[in-house]
């Protein structure tokens, strides 16, 4: 998802969670997300050009037999965005 705000946002404390299982959870460190940009969080790889973030897991997170959702939660605990994943993603 592309951030379309007008100023940089510090993602420190923001979280991604596997909604159906409640885990794993990824908590962002200090990172300034610039307008018109995005970051990616990988299962077990690090790609600096897309933020360099990883859950550091050896198994797929959203490879389920049923649909799943990854909410993006701000430090206040509010869900600000979600991404749905189909079965077997």
PDB file of N, CA and C in Angstrom:
ATOM      1  N   UNK A   1       0.842  -1.162   0.000  1.00  0.00           N
ATOM      2  CA  UNK A   1       0.000   0.000   0.000  1.00  0.00           C
ATOM      3  C   UNK A   1       0.895   1.235   0.000  1.00  0.00           C
ATOM      4  N   UNK A   2       0.550   2.185  -0.813  1.00  0.00           N
ATOM      5  CA  UNK A   2       1.315   3.418  -0.950  1.00  0.00           C
ATOM      6  C   UNK A   2       0.819   4.444   0.059  1.00  0.00           C
ATOM      7  N   UNK A   3       1.750   5.015   0.834  1.00  0.00           N
ATOM      8  CA  UNK A   3       1.402   6.069   1.778  1.00  0.00           C
ATOM      9  C   UNK A   3       1.189   7.356   0.994  1.00  0.00           C
ATOM     10  N   UNK A   4       0.011   7.956   1.134  1.00  0.00           N
ATOM     11  CA  UNK A   4      -0.319   9.123   0.339  1.00  0.00           C
ATOM     12  C   UNK A   4      -0.432  10.412   1.147  1.00  0.00           C
ATOM     13  N   UNK A   5       0.104  10.405   2.372  1.00  0.00           N
ATOM     14  CA  UNK A   5       0.077  11.610   3.197  1.00  0.00           C
ATOM     15  C   UNK A   5       1.022  12.674   2.665  1.00  0.00           C
ATOM     16  N   UNK A   6       1.077  13.797   3.373  1.00  0.00           N
ATOM     17  CA  UNK A   6       1.901  14.915   2.916  1.00  0.00           C
ATOM     18  C   UNK A   6       3.193  15.079   3.714  1.00  0.00           C
ATOM     19  N   UNK A   7       3.324  14.387   4.836  1.00  0.00           N
ATOM     20  CA  UNK A   7       4.531  14.473   5.649  1.00  0.00           C
ATOM     21  C   UNK A   7       5.005  13.088   6.038  1.00  0.00           C
ATOM     22  N   UNK A   8       6.255  12.983   6.451  1.00  0.00           N
ATOM     23  CA  UNK A   8       6.811  11.694   6.863  1.00  0.00           C
ATOM     24  C   UNK A   8       6.107  11.201   8.126  1.00  0.00           C
ATOM     25  N   UNK A   9       5.991   9.863   8.252  1.00  0.00           N
ATOM     26  CA  UNK A   9       5.386   9.234   9.423  1.00  0.00           C
ATOM     27  C   UNK A   9       6.415   8.297  10.041  1.00  0.00           C
ATOM     28  N   UNK A  10       6.646   8.431  11.337  1.00  0.00           N
ATOM     29  CA  UNK A  10       7.540   7.513  12.036  1.00  0.00           C
ATOM     30  C   UNK A  10       6.744   6.257  12.373  1.00  0.00           C
ATOM     31  N   UNK A  11       7.168   5.122  11.847  1.00  0.00           N
ATOM     32  CA  UNK A  11       6.457   3.865  12.052  1.00  0.00           C
ATOM     33  C   UNK A  11       6.823   3.161  13.359  1.00  0.00           C
ATOM     34  N   UNK A  12       7.692   3.758  14.170  1.00  0.00           N
ATOM     35  CA  UNK A  12       8.082   3.099  15.417  1.00  0.00           C
ATOM     36  C   UNK A  12       6.844   2.751  16.250  1.00  0.00           C
ATOM     37  N   UNK A  13       6.741   1.473  16.630  1.00  0.00           N
ATOM     38  CA  UNK A  13       5.635   1.006  17.448  1.00  0.00           C
ATOM     39  C   UNK A  13       4.420   0.548  16.672  1.00  0.00           C
ATOM     40  N   UNK A  14       4.378   0.797  15.360  1.00  0.00           N
ATOM     41  CA  UNK A  14       3.283   0.283  14.542  1.00  0.00           C
ATOM     42  C   UNK A  14       3.478  -1.229  14.426  1.00  0.00           C
ATOM     43  N   UNK A  15       2.383  -1.970  14.211  1.00  0.00           N
ATOM     44  CA  UNK A  15       2.450  -3.430  14.190  1.00  0.00           C
ATOM     45  C   UNK A  15       1.720  -4.024  12.999  1.00  0.00           C
ATOM     46  N   UNK A  16       2.227  -5.158  12.550  1.00  0.00           N
ATOM     47  CA  UNK A  16       1.522  -6.047  11.625  1.00  0.00           C
ATOM     48  C   UNK A  16       1.279  -7.340  12.385  1.00  0.00           C
ATOM     49  N   UNK A  17       0.072  -7.883  12.288  1.00  0.00           N
ATOM     50  CA  UNK A  17      -0.267  -9.099  13.013  1.00  0.00           C
ATOM     51  C   UNK A  17      -1.019 -10.054  12.093  1.00  0.00           C
ATOM     52  N   UNK A  18      -0.779 -11.349  12.261  1.00  0.00           N
ATOM     53  CA  UNK A  18      -1.595 -12.370  11.610  1.00  0.00           C
ATOM     54  C   UNK A  18      -2.907 -12.410  12.388  1.00  0.00           C
ATOM     55  N   UNK A  19      -3.954 -11.830  11.822  1.00  0.00           N
ATOM     56  CA  UNK A  19      -5.208 -11.631  12.546  1.00  0.00           C
ATOM     57  C   UNK A  19      -5.855 -12.932  12.991  1.00  0.00           C
ATOM     58  N   UNK A  20      -5.862 -13.967  12.160  1.00  0.00           N
ATOM     59  CA  UNK A  20      -6.559 -15.198  12.530  1.00  0.00           C
ATOM     60  C   UNK A  20      -5.871 -15.929  13.674  1.00  0.00           C
ATOM     61  N   UNK A  21      -4.542 -15.848  13.746  1.00  0.00           N
ATOM     62  CA  UNK A  21      -3.800 -16.558  14.786  1.00  0.00           C
ATOM     63  C   UNK A  21      -3.380 -15.644  15.941  1.00  0.00           C
ATOM     64  N   UNK A  22      -3.370 -14.336  15.719  1.00  0.00           N
ATOM     65  CA  UNK A  22      -2.902 -13.404  16.738  1.00  0.00           C
ATOM     66  C   UNK A  22      -1.385 -13.315  16.818  1.00  0.00           C
ATOM     67  N   UNK A  23      -0.708 -14.125  16.037  1.00  0.00           N
ATOM     68  CA  UNK A  23       0.759 -14.161  15.997  1.00  0.00           C
ATOM     69  C   UNK A  23       1.156 -14.754  14.653  1.00  0.00           C
ATOM     70  N   UNK A  24       2.257 -14.480  14.099  1.00  0.00           N
ATOM     71  CA  UNK A  24       3.283 -13.642  14.679  1.00  0.00           C
ATOM     72  C   UNK A  24       2.915 -12.164  14.580  1.00  0.00           C
ATOM     73  N   UNK A  25       3.701 -11.397  15.255  1.00  0.00           N
ATOM     74  CA  UNK A  25       3.506  -9.961  15.304  1.00  0.00           C
ATOM     75  C   UNK A  25       4.833  -9.305  14.929  1.00  0.00           C
ATOM     76  N   UNK A  26       4.763  -8.314  14.050  1.00  0.00           N
ATOM     77  CA  UNK A  26       5.950  -7.543  13.700  1.00  0.00           C
ATOM     78  C   UNK A  26       5.741  -6.130  14.213  1.00  0.00           C
ATOM     79  N   UNK A  27       6.678  -5.629  15.011  1.00  0.00           N
ATOM     80  CA  UNK A  27       6.619  -4.257  15.526  1.00  0.00           C
ATOM     81  C   UNK A  27       7.729  -3.467  14.843  1.00  0.00           C
ATOM     82  N   UNK A  28       7.349  -2.394  14.189  1.00  0.00           N
ATOM     83  CA  UNK A  28       8.314  -1.578  13.471  1.00  0.00           C
ATOM     84  C   UNK A  28       9.258  -0.854  14.429  1.00  0.00           C
ATOM     85  N   UNK A  29      10.540  -0.811  14.066  1.00  0.00           N
ATOM     86  CA  UNK A  29      11.482   0.043  14.798  1.00  0.00           C
ATOM     87  C   UNK A  29      11.330   1.473  14.274  1.00  0.00           C
ATOM     88  N   UNK A  30      12.174   2.385  14.706  1.00  0.00           N
ATOM     89  CA  UNK A  30      12.154   3.748  14.168  1.00  0.00           C
ATOM     90  C   UNK A  30      12.365   3.667  12.656  1.00  0.00           C
ATOM     91  N   UNK A  31      11.449   4.231  11.905  1.00  0.00           N
ATOM     92  CA  UNK A  31      11.552   4.255  10.446  1.00  0.00           C
ATOM     93  C   UNK A  31      10.652   5.372   9.937  1.00  0.00           C
ATOM     94  N   UNK A  32      11.207   6.308   9.189  1.00  0.00           N
ATOM     95  CA  UNK A  32      10.409   7.395   8.630  1.00  0.00           C
ATOM     96  C   UNK A  32       9.895   6.996   7.253  1.00  0.00           C
ATOM     97  N   UNK A  33       8.595   6.838   7.162  1.00  0.00           N
ATOM     98  CA  UNK A  33       7.943   6.535   5.886  1.00  0.00           C
ATOM     99  C   UNK A  33       7.615   7.854   5.201  1.00  0.00           C
ATOM    100  N   UNK A  34       8.205   8.048   4.050  1.00  0.00           N
ATOM    101  CA  UNK A  34       8.042   9.294   3.307  1.00  0.00           C
ATOM    102  C   UNK A  34       6.768   9.267   2.463  1.00  0.00           C
ATOM    103  N   UNK A  35       6.202  10.437   2.154  1.00  0.00           N
ATOM    104  CA  UNK A  35       5.028  10.498   1.286  1.00  0.00           C
ATOM    105  C   UNK A  35       5.306   9.817  -0.056  1.00  0.00           C
ATOM    106  N   UNK A  36       4.294   9.202  -0.595  1.00  0.00           N
ATOM    107  CA  UNK A  36       4.359   8.522  -1.894  1.00  0.00           C
ATOM    108  C   UNK A  36       5.362   7.360  -1.886  1.00  0.00           C
ATOM    109  N   UNK A  37       5.507   6.706  -0.735  1.00  0.00           N
ATOM    110  CA  UNK A  37       6.409   5.562  -0.645  1.00  0.00           C
ATOM    111  C   UNK A  37       5.732   4.442   0.138  1.00  0.00           C
ATOM    112  N   UNK A  38       6.374   3.291   0.153  1.00  0.00           N
ATOM    113  CA  UNK A  38       5.839   2.136   0.871  1.00  0.00           C
ATOM    114  C   UNK A  38       6.995   1.309   1.416  1.00  0.00           C
ATOM    115  N   UNK A  39       6.680   0.397   2.324  1.00  0.00           N
ATOM    116  CA  UNK A  39       7.653  -0.562   2.839  1.00  0.00           C
ATOM    117  C   UNK A  39       7.020  -1.952   2.735  1.00  0.00           C
ATOM    118  N   UNK A  40       7.872  -2.965   2.759  1.00  0.00           N
ATOM    119  CA  UNK A  40       7.403  -4.351   2.760  1.00  0.00           C
ATOM    120  C   UNK A  40       8.034  -5.066   3.943  1.00  0.00           C
ATOM    121  N   UNK A  41       7.291  -5.986   4.513  1.00  0.00           N
ATOM    122  CA  UNK A  41       7.811  -6.826   5.583  1.00  0.00           C
ATOM    123  C   UNK A  41       7.745  -8.258   5.075  1.00  0.00           C
ATOM    124  N   UNK A  42       8.909  -8.874   4.954  1.00  0.00           N
ATOM    125  CA  UNK A  42       8.996 -10.230   4.415  1.00  0.00           C
ATOM    126  C   UNK A  42       8.965 -11.269   5.524  1.00  0.00           C
ATOM    127  N   UNK A  43       8.667 -12.502   5.145  1.00  0.00           N
ATOM    128  CA  UNK A  43       8.636 -13.605   6.104  1.00  0.00           C
ATOM    129  C   UNK A  43      10.023 -13.897   6.646  1.00  0.00           C
ATOM    130  N   UNK A  44      10.999 -14.097   5.749  1.00  0.00           N
ATOM    131  CA  UNK A  44      12.330 -14.486   6.223  1.00  0.00           C
ATOM    132  C   UNK A  44      13.452 -13.938   5.340  1.00  0.00           C
ATOM    133  N   UNK A  45      13.195 -12.860   4.648  1.00  0.00           N
ATOM    134  CA  UNK A  45      14.202 -12.243   3.794  1.00  0.00           C
ATOM    135  C   UNK A  45      14.351 -10.776   4.182  1.00  0.00           C
ATOM    136  N   UNK A  46      15.461 -10.186   3.802  1.00  0.00           N
ATOM    137  CA  UNK A  46      15.679  -8.757   4.041  1.00  0.00           C
ATOM    138  C   UNK A  46      16.018  -8.104   2.708  1.00  0.00           C
ATOM    139  N   UNK A  47      15.221  -7.124   2.326  1.00  0.00           N
ATOM    140  CA  UNK A  47      15.424  -6.386   1.082  1.00  0.00           C
ATOM    141  C   UNK A  47      15.531  -4.898   1.422  1.00  0.00           C
ATOM    142  N   UNK A  48      16.736  -4.386   1.564  1.00  0.00           N
ATOM    143  CA  UNK A  48      16.921  -2.982   1.966  1.00  0.00           C
ATOM    144  C   UNK A  48      16.176  -1.972   1.093  1.00  0.00           C
ATOM    145  N   UNK A  49      16.018  -2.257  -0.186  1.00  0.00           N
ATOM    146  CA  UNK A  49      15.349  -1.297  -1.077  1.00  0.00           C
ATOM    147  C   UNK A  49      13.864  -1.130  -0.751  1.00  0.00           C
ATOM    148  N   UNK A  50      13.273  -2.098  -0.033  1.00  0.00           N
ATOM    149  CA  UNK A  50      11.856  -1.981   0.324  1.00  0.00           C
ATOM    150  C   UNK A  50      11.677  -1.848   1.837  1.00  0.00           C
ATOM    151  N   UNK A  51      12.699  -1.374   2.532  1.00  0.00           N
ATOM    152  CA  UNK A  51      12.615  -1.120   3.964  1.00  0.00           C
ATOM    153  C   UNK A  51      13.528  -1.999   4.792  1.00  0.00           C
ATOM    154  N   UNK A  52      13.787  -3.220   4.327  1.00  0.00           N
ATOM    155  CA  UNK A  52      14.690  -4.116   5.046  1.00  0.00           C
ATOM    156  C   UNK A  52      14.067  -4.803   6.241  1.00  0.00           C
ATOM    157  N   UNK A  53      12.747  -4.985   6.243  1.00  0.00           N
ATOM    158  CA  UNK A  53      12.063  -5.582   7.383  1.00  0.00           C
ATOM    159  C   UNK A  53      11.714  -7.043   7.138  1.00  0.00           C
ATOM    160  N   UNK A  54      11.768  -7.834   8.218  1.00  0.00           N
ATOM    161  CA  UNK A  54      11.467  -9.259   8.130  1.00  0.00           C
ATOM    162  C   UNK A  54      10.914  -9.765   9.455  1.00  0.00           C
ATOM    163  N   UNK A  55       9.964 -10.694   9.366  1.00  0.00           N
ATOM    164  CA  UNK A  55       9.451 -11.377  10.548  1.00  0.00           C
ATOM    165  C   UNK A  55      10.489 -12.363  11.097  1.00  0.00           C
ATOM    166  N   UNK A  56      11.503 -12.694  10.298  1.00  0.00           N
ATOM    167  CA  UNK A  56      12.545 -13.650  10.685  1.00  0.00           C
ATOM    168  C   UNK A  56      11.953 -15.020  11.027  1.00  0.00           C
ATOM    169  N   UNK A  57      11.025 -15.488  10.187  1.00  0.00           N
ATOM    170  CA  UNK A  57      10.411 -16.799  10.394  1.00  0.00           C
ATOM    171  C   UNK A  57      10.800 -17.725   9.252  1.00  0.00           C
ATOM    172  N   UNK A  58      10.863 -18.996   9.541  1.00  0.00           N
ATOM    173  CA  UNK A  58      11.241 -19.976   8.525  1.00  0.00           C
ATOM    174  C   UNK A  58      10.035 -20.535   7.772  1.00  0.00           C
ATOM    175  N   UNK A  59       8.818 -20.291   8.257  1.00  0.00           N
ATOM    176  CA  UNK A  59       7.621 -20.777   7.589  1.00  0.00           C
ATOM    177  C   UNK A  59       6.750 -19.605   7.167  1.00  0.00           C
ATOM    178  N   UNK A  60       5.981 -19.824   6.125  1.00  0.00           N
ATOM    179  CA  UNK A  60       5.101 -18.785   5.607  1.00  0.00           C
ATOM    180  C   UNK A  60       4.081 -18.368   6.655  1.00  0.00           C
ATOM    181  N   UNK A  61       3.795 -17.105   6.719  1.00  0.00           N
ATOM    182  CA  UNK A  61       2.868 -16.584   7.711  1.00  0.00           C
ATOM    183  C   UNK A  61       1.427 -16.668   7.232  1.00  0.00           C
ATOM    184  N   UNK A  62       1.161 -16.307   6.003  1.00  0.00           N
ATOM    185  CA  UNK A  62      -0.205 -16.277   5.510  1.00  0.00           C
ATOM    186  C   UNK A  62      -0.478 -17.395   4.511  1.00  0.00           C
ATOM    187  N   UNK A  63       0.127 -18.546   4.697  1.00  0.00           N
ATOM    188  CA  UNK A  63      -0.130 -19.705   3.847  1.00  0.00           C
ATOM    189  C   UNK A  63      -1.130 -20.610   4.564  1.00  0.00           C
ATOM    190  N   UNK A  64      -2.379 -20.178   4.602  1.00  0.00           N
ATOM    191  CA  UNK A  64      -3.424 -20.876   5.338  1.00  0.00           C
ATOM    192  C   UNK A  64      -4.374 -21.602   4.394  1.00  0.00           C
ATOM    193  N   UNK A  65      -5.204 -22.470   4.966  1.00  0.00           N
ATOM    194  CA  UNK A  65      -6.225 -23.151   4.174  1.00  0.00           C
ATOM    195  C   UNK A  65      -7.490 -22.304   4.089  1.00  0.00           C
ATOM    196  N   UNK A  66      -7.538 -21.201   4.830  1.00  0.00           N
ATOM    197  CA  UNK A  66      -8.672 -20.282   4.769  1.00  0.00           C
ATOM    198  C   UNK A  66      -8.136 -18.860   4.605  1.00  0.00           C
ATOM    199  N   UNK A  67      -8.981 -17.938   4.178  1.00  0.00           N
ATOM    200  CA  UNK A  67      -8.520 -16.555   4.005  1.00  0.00           C
ATOM    201  C   UNK A  67      -7.978 -15.988   5.318  1.00  0.00           C
ATOM    202  N   UNK A  68      -7.087 -15.005   5.214  1.00  0.00           N
ATOM    203  CA  UNK A  68      -6.488 -14.391   6.390  1.00  0.00           C
ATOM    204  C   UNK A  68      -6.335 -12.891   6.141  1.00  0.00           C
ATOM    205  N   UNK A  69      -6.153 -12.162   7.209  1.00  0.00           N
ATOM    206  CA  UNK A  69      -6.016 -10.714   7.127  1.00  0.00           C
ATOM    207  C   UNK A  69      -4.822 -10.266   7.947  1.00  0.00           C
ATOM    208  N   UNK A  70      -4.094  -9.295   7.399  1.00  0.00           N
ATOM    209  CA  UNK A  70      -2.968  -8.678   8.099  1.00  0.00           C
ATOM    210  C   UNK A  70      -3.349  -7.234   8.393  1.00  0.00           C
ATOM    211  N   UNK A  71      -3.693  -6.919   9.647  1.00  0.00           N
ATOM    212  CA  UNK A  71      -3.983  -5.527   9.983  1.00  0.00           C
ATOM    213  C   UNK A  71      -2.708  -4.748  10.295  1.00  0.00           C
ATOM    214  N   UNK A  72      -2.705  -3.478   9.938  1.00  0.00           N
ATOM    215  CA  UNK A  72      -1.658  -2.537  10.321  1.00  0.00           C
ATOM    216  C   UNK A  72      -2.237  -1.716  11.462  1.00  0.00           C
ATOM    217  N   UNK A  73      -1.571  -1.788  12.629  1.00  0.00           N
ATOM    218  CA  UNK A  73      -2.101  -1.182  13.842  1.00  0.00           C
ATOM    219  C   UNK A  73      -1.148  -0.086  14.316  1.00  0.00           C
ATOM    220  N   UNK A  74      -1.690   1.099  14.581  1.00  0.00           N
ATOM    221  CA  UNK A  74      -0.848   2.208  15.029  1.00  0.00           C
ATOM    222  C   UNK A  74      -0.532   2.059  16.519  1.00  0.00           C
ATOM    223  N   UNK A  75       0.373   2.878  17.054  1.00  0.00           N
ATOM    224  CA  UNK A  75       0.753   2.757  18.468  1.00  0.00           C
ATOM    225  C   UNK A  75      -0.401   2.963  19.457  1.00  0.00           C
ATOM    226  N   UNK A  76      -1.498   3.575  19.020  1.00  0.00           N
ATOM    227  CA  UNK A  76      -2.669   3.764  19.884  1.00  0.00           C
ATOM    228  C   UNK A  76      -3.585   2.545  19.889  1.00  0.00           C
ATOM    229  N   UNK A  77      -3.224   1.516  19.091  1.00  0.00           N
ATOM    230  CA  UNK A  77      -4.031   0.295  19.041  1.00  0.00           C
ATOM    231  C   UNK A  77      -5.136   0.314  18.007  1.00  0.00           C
ATOM    232  N   UNK A  78      -5.155   1.331  17.158  1.00  0.00           N
ATOM    233  CA  UNK A  78      -6.188   1.434  16.128  1.00  0.00           C
ATOM    234  C   UNK A  78      -5.728   0.762  14.834  1.00  0.00           C
ATOM    235  N   UNK A  79      -6.602  -0.025  14.225  1.00  0.00           N
ATOM    236  CA  UNK A  79      -6.315  -0.604  12.921  1.00  0.00           C
ATOM    237  C   UNK A  79      -6.508   0.490  11.878  1.00  0.00           C
ATOM    238  N   UNK A  80      -5.446   0.785  11.129  1.00  0.00           N
ATOM    239  CA  UNK A  80      -5.516   1.857  10.141  1.00  0.00           C
ATOM    240  C   UNK A  80      -5.583   1.341   8.718  1.00  0.00           C
ATOM    241  N   UNK A  81      -5.253   0.056   8.532  1.00  0.00           N
ATOM    242  CA  UNK A  81      -5.290  -0.541   7.203  1.00  0.00           C
ATOM    243  C   UNK A  81      -5.290  -2.061   7.360  1.00  0.00           C
ATOM    244  N   UNK A  82      -5.805  -2.751   6.367  1.00  0.00           N
ATOM    245  CA  UNK A  82      -5.755  -4.207   6.364  1.00  0.00           C
ATOM    246  C   UNK A  82      -5.421  -4.707   4.966  1.00  0.00           C
ATOM    247  N   UNK A  83      -4.846  -5.882   4.912  1.00  0.00           N
ATOM    248  CA  UNK A  83      -4.557  -6.556   3.643  1.00  0.00           C
ATOM    249  C   UNK A  83      -5.074  -7.982   3.777  1.00  0.00           C
ATOM    250  N   UNK A  84      -5.969  -8.393   2.898  1.00  0.00           N
ATOM    251  CA  UNK A  84      -6.499  -9.750   2.908  1.00  0.00           C
ATOM    252  C   UNK A  84      -5.680 -10.652   2.029  1.00  0.00           C
ATOM    253  N   UNK A  85      -5.492 -11.883   2.476  1.00  0.00           N
ATOM    254  CA  UNK A  85      -4.743 -12.885   1.740  1.00  0.00           C
ATOM    255  C   UNK A  85      -5.637 -14.085   1.471  1.00  0.00           C
ATOM    256  N   UNK A  86      -5.692 -14.556   0.230  1.00  0.00           N
ATOM    257  CA  UNK A  86      -6.514 -15.723  -0.090  1.00  0.00           C
ATOM    258  C   UNK A  86      -5.855 -16.999   0.440  1.00  0.00           C
ATOM    259  N   UNK A  87      -6.613 -18.098   0.521  1.00  0.00           N
ATOM    260  CA  UNK A  87      -6.032 -19.375   0.963  1.00  0.00           C
ATOM    261  C   UNK A  87      -4.835 -19.749   0.100  1.00  0.00           C
ATOM    262  N   UNK A  88      -3.791 -20.273   0.736  1.00  0.00           N
ATOM    263  CA  UNK A  88      -2.616 -20.751   0.014  1.00  0.00           C
ATOM    264  C   UNK A  88      -1.706 -19.671  -0.492  1.00  0.00           C
ATOM    265  N   UNK A  89      -1.917 -18.442  -0.055  1.00  0.00           N
ATOM    266  CA  UNK A  89      -1.094 -17.324  -0.524  1.00  0.00           C
ATOM    267  C   UNK A  89       0.336 -17.475  -0.067  1.00  0.00           C
TER     268      UNK A  89
END
